[in-house]
Amino acid sequence: MELKQITKQYGNNTVIDRVDFAFNDSKIVGLIGKNGVGKTTLMKIMNGNIINYQGD
């Protein structure tokens, strides 16, 4: 999986700003961060639950 320049906004609030990363399907990956920084939003973009975002 590869993400390029992923950006997600809710109104004027940018919760994900130009995220890039890539990993192999056979890898286990974890997201660690403080509350409200966009971890769940990023996972929802990756699995197709959110389709209204910018980037590839």
Protein backbone atom coordinates (compact mmCIF):
# COMPACT_ATOMS: atom_id res chain seq x y z
CA MET A 1 0.00 0.00 0.00
CA GLU A 2 1.19 3.49 -0.79
CA LEU A 3 -0.24 6.88 0.17
CA LYS A 4 0.89 10.09 -1.50
CA GLN A 5 0.16 13.61 -0.27
CA ILE A 6 -2.98 12.60 1.66
CA THR A 7 -4.80 15.62 3.05
CA LYS A 8 -8.15 15.61 4.85
CA GLN A 9 -10.06 18.60 6.15
CA TYR A 10 -13.24 18.93 8.16
CA GLY A 11 -14.40 22.46 7.37
CA ASN A 12 -11.42 24.75 8.03
CA ASN A 13 -9.71 22.17 10.27
CA THR A 14 -6.93 20.17 8.54
CA VAL A 15 -6.62 16.85 10.38
CA ILE A 16 -4.21 15.16 7.94
CA ASP A 17 -1.73 17.28 5.98
CA ARG A 18 0.25 15.85 3.03
CA VAL A 19 0.98 12.40 4.50
CA ASP A 20 3.23 10.06 2.46
CA PHE A 21 4.14 6.47 3.28
CA ALA A 22 4.38 3.02 1.75
CA PHE A 23 4.56 -0.50 3.12
CA ASN A 24 4.30 -4.08 1.87
CA ASP A 25 1.05 -6.00 2.29
CA SER A 26 2.85 -8.63 4.38
CA LYS A 27 3.90 -6.09 7.04
CA ILE A 28 2.13 -5.25 10.28
CA VAL A 29 1.96 -1.50 10.78
CA GLY A 30 0.78 0.51 13.77
CA LEU A 31 -0.18 4.16 14.08
CA ILE A 32 0.76 5.88 17.32
CA GLY A 33 -0.15 9.42 18.27
CA LYS A 34 -2.06 11.68 20.59
CA ASN A 35 -5.84 11.94 20.61
CA GLY A 36 -7.30 13.92 17.72
CA VAL A 37 -4.30 13.83 15.38
CA GLY A 38 -6.02 11.85 12.58
CA LYS A 39 -5.07 8.20 13.19
CA THR A 40 -8.61 6.89 12.78
CA THR A 41 -9.29 9.20 9.84
CA LEU A 42 -6.16 7.93 8.07
CA MET A 43 -7.20 4.30 8.65
CA LYS A 44 -10.68 5.05 7.29
CA ILE A 45 -9.14 6.57 4.16
CA MET A 46 -6.92 3.52 3.73
CA ASN A 47 -9.82 1.06 3.96
CA GLY A 48 -12.18 3.12 1.78
CA ASN A 49 -14.64 4.32 4.44
CA ILE A 50 -13.72 7.95 3.69
CA ILE A 51 -13.56 8.90 0.02
CA ASN A 52 -13.64 12.71 0.26
CA TYR A 53 -9.93 13.57 0.63
CA GLN A 54 -7.05 14.93 -1.43
CA GLY A 55 -4.10 12.84 -2.63
CA ASP A 56 -3.44 9.37 -4.05
